[in-house]
Amino acid sequence: MTQEKPYVPSQAILDLYDGYAHGQFDRREFFRRASAVTAGTVSAAAIAAAVMPRYAQAMQVAPDDARIDTRTLEYASPNGAGKMSGLLAHPAGDGPWPAVVVIHENRGLNPYIEDVARRLAVAGYMALAPDALFPLGGYPGNDDDGRALQRKRDREQMFEDFVAAAQWLMTADNSTGRVGSVGFCYGGGVSNALAVRLPELGAASCYYGRQVAAEEVPAIAAPLQIHMGELDTRINAGWPDLRDALDAHGKNYEAYVYPKANHGFHNDTTPRYDQTAAEKSWQRTLRFFDAHLR
């Protein structure tokens, strides 16, 4: 028996998925629109299999990797949820190490973001990846429910939870006190915002995240690194205003646009993953942190 080939989503389907993933319409509407795009020739099950994350297949650093130590950490967030939790990962042995707060997408601390924290630990950093869903019971095990839960959090309180994470790292045992941030999607916007909020932040790397307002740029002291996918027109529309403000105020930044890459290109668990863009951007992120945090 010949096995049917997996459906490979078109750019139109990926664009629809981006809208669905960012709350522009619900799951039922996504599949209705996707069916119209494929003229009903592809089943909903095949589309779902093509676009939904496959976490087990994309792990790069195992939780029990001998090069690192990991644990669940609880820390105080007095201006946010009060008490927060996240994954703490660092190299095996004794520090101190420079540190990075890892900020997840709009769905909580999923396995992909945990893996990013472990990758940073392998690279010689103490990494803290908070779970903004901790006050609501934590990441629920799937991204659909995670997105719904994250929308229930107060955005200002949630931001304060990441501020508290960065501040915890600045004084943590085995931290050098040099702290940066890296974020993806929602987390990319938070990484930008941390640079505004925390003048002591050492570096901020933003992957396809919302830009801060031009009037906030004078407060930025940390070097910025901006990563954008060429096809991510929704996010990229705000880049010219930020670029002009950064230039006008003489800020230290570097920005990259990755050809033919979509929003989410670094996430290696979905079909939006672009291996060339992901690997190149990650190499740049590590060089950026090495230059500014060590």
Protein backbone atom coordinates (compact mmCIF):
# COMPACT_ATOMS: atom_id res chain seq x y z
CA MET A 1 0.00 0.00 0.00
CA THR A 2 1.36 3.42 -0.97
CA GLN A 3 1.52 5.82 1.95
CA GLU A 4 0.03 9.23 1.30
CA LYS A 5 2.58 12.03 1.37
CA PRO A 6 2.18 14.59 4.18
CA TYR A 7 0.55 17.82 3.12
CA VAL A 8 3.01 20.70 2.68
CA PRO A 9 1.26 23.98 3.51
CA SER A 10 1.36 26.83 1.03
CA GLN A 11 2.31 30.37 1.96
CA ALA A 12 -1.37 31.26 2.01
CA ILE A 13 -2.02 28.57 4.64
CA LEU A 14 0.98 29.72 6.67
CA ASP A 15 -0.35 33.29 6.56
CA LEU A 16 -3.73 32.05 7.80
CA TYR A 17 -2.03 30.11 10.57
CA ASP A 18 -0.20 33.26 11.64
CA GLY A 19 -3.54 35.04 11.94
CA TYR A 20 -5.01 32.18 13.93
CA ALA A 21 -1.96 31.91 16.20
CA HIS A 22 -2.22 35.61 17.02
CA GLY A 23 -5.91 35.61 17.86
CA GLN A 24 -7.31 37.20 14.71
CA PHE A 25 -9.83 34.35 14.40
CA ASP A 26 -10.56 31.05 16.11
CA ARG A 27 -9.65 27.47 15.20
CA ARG A 28 -12.92 26.78 13.39
CA GLU A 29 -12.52 29.90 11.24
CA PHE A 30 -8.91 28.96 10.48
CA PHE A 31 -9.97 25.61 9.08
CA ARG A 32 -12.88 27.18 7.18
CA ARG A 33 -10.55 29.64 5.49
CA ALA A 34 -7.90 26.97 4.92
CA SER A 35 -10.48 24.76 3.25
CA ALA A 36 -11.37 27.62 0.92
CA VAL A 37 -7.69 28.08 0.03
CA THR A 38 -7.26 24.37 -0.78
CA ALA A 39 -10.68 24.20 -2.49
CA GLY A 40 -11.58 21.40 -0.09
CA THR A 41 -8.93 19.06 -1.50
CA VAL A 42 -7.03 18.77 1.80
CA SER A 43 -8.65 17.49 4.99
CA ALA A 44 -8.66 19.47 8.21
CA ALA A 45 -6.67 16.67 9.81
CA ALA A 46 -3.95 16.92 7.16
CA ILE A 47 -3.78 20.71 7.54
CA ALA A 48 -3.59 20.41 11.32
CA ALA A 49 -0.81 17.83 11.07
CA ALA A 50 1.10 20.18 8.77
CA VAL A 51 0.91 23.37 10.83
CA MET A 52 0.70 22.38 14.49
CA PRO A 53 3.91 22.11 16.57
CA ARG A 54 5.82 18.82 16.83
CA TYR A 55 7.83 19.32 19.95
CA ALA A 56 9.26 15.85 20.43
CA GLN A 57 10.84 15.85 16.99
CA ALA A 58 12.76 19.11 17.39
CA MET A 59 14.57 18.88 20.73
CA GLN A 60 18.20 19.93 20.34
CA VAL A 61 19.38 19.64 23.96
CA ALA A 62 17.90 16.93 26.16
CA PRO A 63 16.84 17.83 29.71
CA ASP A 64 19.34 15.31 31.11
CA ASP A 65 22.25 16.50 28.94
CA ALA A 66 25.39 16.05 31.05
CA ARG A 67 26.77 19.43 29.97
CA ILE A 68 24.09 21.36 31.85
CA ASP A 69 22.02 21.47 35.01
CA THR A 70 18.34 22.41 35.00
CA ARG A 71 15.68 22.92 37.62
CA THR A 72 12.32 24.58 38.13
CA LEU A 73 12.78 27.89 39.89
CA GLU A 74 10.27 29.98 41.79
CA TYR A 75 11.01 33.68 42.23
CA ALA A 76 9.23 36.73 43.59
CA SER A 77 7.40 39.10 41.25
CA PRO A 78 5.96 41.73 43.59
CA ASN A 79 4.62 43.99 40.84
CA GLY A 80 3.32 41.09 38.75
CA ALA A 81 1.81 37.77 39.81
CA GLY A 82 3.46 37.87 43.24
CA LYS A 83 5.15 34.52 42.75
CA MET A 84 6.45 33.17 39.46
CA SER A 85 8.08 30.02 38.14
CA GLY A 86 10.34 29.15 35.26
CA LEU A 87 13.02 26.81 33.96
CA LEU A 88 16.54 27.65 35.12
CA ALA A 89 19.35 26.15 33.03
CA HIS A 90 23.10 26.72 33.31
CA PRO A 91 26.35 24.91 32.53
CA ALA A 92 27.28 22.01 34.77
CA GLY A 93 29.71 22.92 37.52
CA ASP A 94 30.37 26.20 39.23
CA GLY A 95 29.88 29.67 37.79
CA PRO A 96 29.68 32.52 37.68
CA TRP A 97 28.12 32.89 34.23
CA PRO A 98 26.53 35.73 32.34
CA ALA A 99 22.77 35.36 32.27
CA VAL A 100 19.85 35.62 29.84
CA VAL A 101 16.11 35.78 30.46
CA VAL A 102 14.32 33.79 27.76
CA ILE A 103 10.86 35.09 26.91
CA HIS A 104 8.29 32.80 25.34
CA GLU A 105 5.71 33.36 22.63
CA ASN A 106 2.01 34.03 23.25
CA ARG A 107 1.29 30.55 24.61
CA GLY A 108 3.36 29.99 27.74
CA LEU A 109 6.54 28.06 28.42
CA ASN A 110 6.28 25.32 25.82
CA PRO A 111 8.94 22.67 25.09
CA TYR A 112 10.53 24.73 22.30
CA ILE A 113 11.29 27.66 24.61
CA GLU A 114 12.58 25.28 27.30
CA ASP A 115 14.94 23.90 24.66
CA VAL A 116 16.13 27.42 23.82
CA ALA A 117 17.04 27.91 27.48
CA ARG A 118 19.02 24.67 27.45
CA ARG A 119 20.80 25.74 24.25
CA LEU A 120 21.94 28.89 26.03
CA ALA A 121 23.20 26.82 28.95
CA VAL A 122 25.27 24.69 26.56
CA ALA A 123 26.67 27.96 25.17
CA GLY A 124 27.83 29.00 28.64
CA TYR A 125 24.99 31.10 29.99
CA MET A 126 22.67 30.94 32.96
CA ALA A 127 19.20 31.05 31.36
CA LEU A 128 15.87 31.65 33.06
CA ALA A 129 12.74 30.96 31.02
CA PRO A 130 9.68 32.10 33.01
CA ASP A 131 6.22 30.67 32.41
CA ALA A 132 3.71 33.54 32.30
CA LEU A 133 0.97 30.94 32.74
CA PHE A 134 2.24 29.83 36.16
CA PRO A 135 -0.40 31.89 38.02
CA LEU A 136 -3.07 30.04 35.99
CA GLY A 137 -1.65 26.57 36.53
CA GLY A 138 1.23 26.67 34.06
CA TYR A 139 1.64 25.74 30.42
CA PRO A 140 -1.27 23.33 29.80
CA GLY A 141 0.53 20.95 27.45
CA ASN A 142 -0.71 22.33 24.14
CA ASP A 143 -0.43 25.68 22.42
CA ASP A 144 -4.13 26.21 21.70
CA ASP A 145 -5.04 26.16 25.40
CA GLY A 146 -1.84 28.05 26.18
CA ARG A 147 -2.84 30.92 23.92
CA ALA A 148 -6.28 31.08 25.51
CA LEU A 149 -4.78 31.16 29.00
CA GLN A 150 -2.21 33.82 28.16
CA ARG A 151 -4.97 36.12 26.90
CA LYS A 152 -6.46 35.96 30.41
CA ARG A 153 -3.40 37.50 32.02
CA ASP A 154 -3.17 41.22 32.59
CA ARG A 155 -0.51 42.39 30.12
CA GLU A 156 1.11 44.89 32.48
CA GLN A 157 1.37 42.38 35.31
CA MET A 158 2.71 39.78 32.91
CA PHE A 159 5.41 42.19 31.74
CA GLU A 160 6.39 42.81 35.35
CA ASP A 161 6.94 39.07 35.76
CA PHE A 162 9.67 39.22 33.11
CA VAL A 163 11.15 42.38 34.62
CA ALA A 164 11.39 40.50 37.92
CA ALA A 165 13.10 37.57 36.17
CA ALA A 166 15.80 39.82 34.73
CA GLN A 167 16.29 41.48 38.11
CA TRP A 168 16.53 38.08 39.83
CA LEU A 169 19.30 37.06 37.45
CA MET A 170 21.25 40.25 38.14
CA THR A 171 21.83 39.23 41.76
CA ALA A 172 21.55 35.43 41.58
CA ASP A 173 24.23 33.15 42.94
CA ASN A 174 26.58 32.08 40.15
CA SER A 175 25.49 35.00 37.94
CA THR A 176 28.10 37.56 36.92
CA GLY A 177 25.37 40.19 37.09
CA ARG A 178 25.58 40.81 33.34
CA VAL A 179 22.10 39.99 32.04
CA GLY A 180 20.57 40.03 28.58
CA SER A 181 17.21 39.08 27.15
CA VAL A 182 16.03 37.12 24.14
CA GLY A 183 12.40 36.74 23.12
CA PHE A 184 10.31 35.33 20.34
CA CYS A 185 7.00 36.68 18.98
CA TYR A 186 5.26 38.11 22.08
CA GLY A 187 8.56 37.59 23.84
CA GLY A 188 10.40 39.57 21.20
CA GLY A 189 8.28 42.56 22.04
CA VAL A 190 8.94 42.03 25.73
CA SER A 191 12.68 41.84 25.07
CA ASN A 192 12.48 45.24 23.37
CA ALA A 193 10.41 46.63 26.24
CA LEU A 194 12.90 45.36 28.84
CA ALA A 195 15.58 47.48 27.16
CA VAL A 196 13.36 50.52 27.77
CA ARG A 197 12.51 49.57 31.34
CA LEU A 198 15.92 48.39 32.59
CA PRO A 199 18.88 50.68 31.85
CA GLU A 200 21.15 48.09 33.47
CA LEU A 201 20.20 45.41 30.92
CA GLY A 202 23.32 44.30 29.05
CA ALA A 203 21.81 43.32 25.69
CA ALA A 204 18.40 42.61 24.16
CA SER A 205 17.79 40.27 21.23
CA CYS A 206 14.33 40.41 19.65
CA TYR A 207 12.94 37.83 17.24
CA TYR A 208 9.96 39.12 15.23
CA GLY A 209 8.44 41.03 18.14
CA ARG A 210 6.40 44.17 18.51
CA GLN A 211 8.43 47.37 18.40
CA VAL A 212 8.49 49.89 21.22
CA ALA A 213 7.11 53.35 20.51
CA ALA A 214 9.47 55.93 19.06
CA GLU A 215 9.09 58.15 22.11
CA GLU A 216 10.39 55.32 24.33
CA VAL A 217 13.65 54.94 22.42
CA PRO A 218 15.63 57.62 24.36
CA ALA A 219 15.39 55.43 27.48
CA ILE A 220 17.17 52.49 25.81
CA ALA A 221 20.73 51.92 27.02
CA ALA A 222 21.26 48.27 26.04
CA PRO A 223 22.47 47.27 22.59
CA LEU A 224 19.60 45.84 20.52
CA GLN A 225 19.56 43.01 18.01
CA ILE A 226 16.49 42.71 15.79
CA HIS A 227 15.60 39.62 13.71
CA MET A 228 12.82 39.74 11.11
CA GLY A 229 11.48 37.36 8.50
CA GLU A 230 11.03 38.91 5.07
CA LEU A 231 7.49 37.50 4.75
CA ASP A 232 6.38 38.71 8.19
CA THR A 233 4.68 41.85 6.92
CA ARG A 234 2.50 42.19 10.02
CA ILE A 235 5.46 42.74 12.34
CA ASN A 236 7.77 44.36 9.82
CA ALA A 237 5.35 47.23 9.22
CA GLY A 238 6.47 48.80 12.51
CA TRP A 239 10.20 48.49 11.86
CA PRO A 240 10.84 51.71 9.86
CA ASP A 241 9.56 53.93 12.67
CA LEU A 242 11.72 52.14 15.24
CA ARG A 243 14.75 52.21 12.95
CA ASP A 244 14.38 55.94 12.37
CA ALA A 245 14.06 56.60 16.11
CA LEU A 246 17.10 54.44 16.92
CA ASP A 247 19.13 56.29 14.30
CA ALA A 248 17.91 59.70 15.45
CA HIS A 249 19.03 58.99 19.03
CA GLY A 250 22.30 57.28 18.10
CA LYS A 251 21.40 53.95 19.66
CA ASN A 252 23.54 50.84 19.34
CA TYR A 253 21.63 48.25 17.31
CA GLU A 254 21.90 45.67 14.57
CA ALA A 255 18.99 44.45 12.47
CA TYR A 256 18.60 41.54 10.08
CA VAL A 257 15.91 40.56 7.61
CA TYR A 258 16.02 36.90 6.57
CA PRO A 259 15.00 36.28 2.94
CA LYS A 260 11.79 34.30 2.35
CA ALA A 261 11.43 33.62 6.10
CA ASN A 262 8.11 33.74 7.92
CA HIS A 263 7.17 34.93 11.38
CA GLY A 264 8.30 32.19 13.74
CA PHE A 265 11.20 31.09 11.55
CA HIS A 266 13.36 30.17 14.56
CA ASN A 267 10.79 27.76 16.01
CA ASP A 268 11.95 24.38 14.73
CA THR A 269 8.72 22.61 15.68
CA THR A 270 6.47 24.15 13.00
CA PRO A 271 6.48 24.38 9.18
CA ARG A 272 7.32 28.08 9.41
CA TYR A 273 10.80 27.02 10.55
CA ASP A 274 13.54 28.15 8.19
CA GLN A 275 16.73 26.25 8.95
CA THR A 276 19.07 28.72 7.24
CA ALA A 277 17.51 31.75 8.95
CA ALA A 278 17.24 29.99 12.31
CA GLU A 279 20.84 28.83 12.39
CA LYS A 280 22.27 32.12 11.11
CA SER A 281 20.20 34.20 13.52
CA TRP A 282 21.15 32.00 16.48
CA GLN A 283 24.86 32.28 15.63
CA ARG A 284 24.40 36.05 15.54
CA THR A 285 22.55 36.01 18.86
CA LEU A 286 25.34 34.07 20.57
CA ARG A 287 28.00 36.39 19.13
CA PHE A 288 25.93 39.37 20.27
CA PHE A 289 25.69 38.04 23.82
CA ASP A 290 29.37 37.09 23.85
CA ALA A 291 30.26 40.66 22.86
CA HIS A 292 28.05 42.42 25.38
CA LEU A 293 27.59 40.06 28.35
CA ARG A 294 31.01 38.50 28.85
